[in-house]
Amino acid sequence: MNMPHVVSWATTHPGAKRTVNQDSFVNRPDLGVWAVADGAGGHAFADTYDQHQRNVAKLRGVEQQQQQAGPQRTTRPAAAARSNGSR
């Protein structure tokens, strides 16, 4: 199979929000191969996959502690509020 002559170029930039560029690309017109992996992330949770994994592990630990502690009351029962003189 004859490949048509193709001229291509590729570049990447970290963008305005991140200091680390996680984009990847393959620009091989000699092989007829082009690929792009946009490393935009989409997570406010971390800048890198490793950092994301550490943060998820921490979150799961907090969730497990909360689950073991049981439901927490966020408001006082009405009877307790009345006994304090408040309404």
Foldseek 3Di string as FASTA:
>chain_A
DDDDDDDDDDDDDCDDPDPDAPKDWDDCVVVPDIDIDHQPPPDPQDNDPVSNVVSVVVVVVVVVVDVVVPDDDPDDDPVVCVVVVHD
